Amino acid sequence: MNNDEPFKLDVLFGSLDKFSSYLVPVGIFLAVLMVIIGGYIWISSAGNPEKVKQAQGTLTWAIIGLVFITIAVLLINLVIKTISDL
């Protein structure tokens, strides 16, 4: 890119798309893994209140992470679509 040329939005959108195509699957994988780990902790807690509380916290934060990832992807796609339609 020549320094005399203005920055183009398609370069930014391409970078965002490439970045999200790598990061989103990793985030979803980690969140699902944490749901599995939280479920395992809960099952293996044998009624221990501390372990149950730990499992509930793990499950809660994993689900919050999944919701956050979903909202972030939807917002990025909405912004890209809205700006590219202008």
Foldseek 3Di string as FASTA:
>chain_A
DDPVDDDDVVVVLVVVVVVCVPPLVVLLVVLVVLLVVLVVQCVPVVPVVVSPVVSVVSNVVSVVSVVVSVVVVVVSVVVVVVVVVD
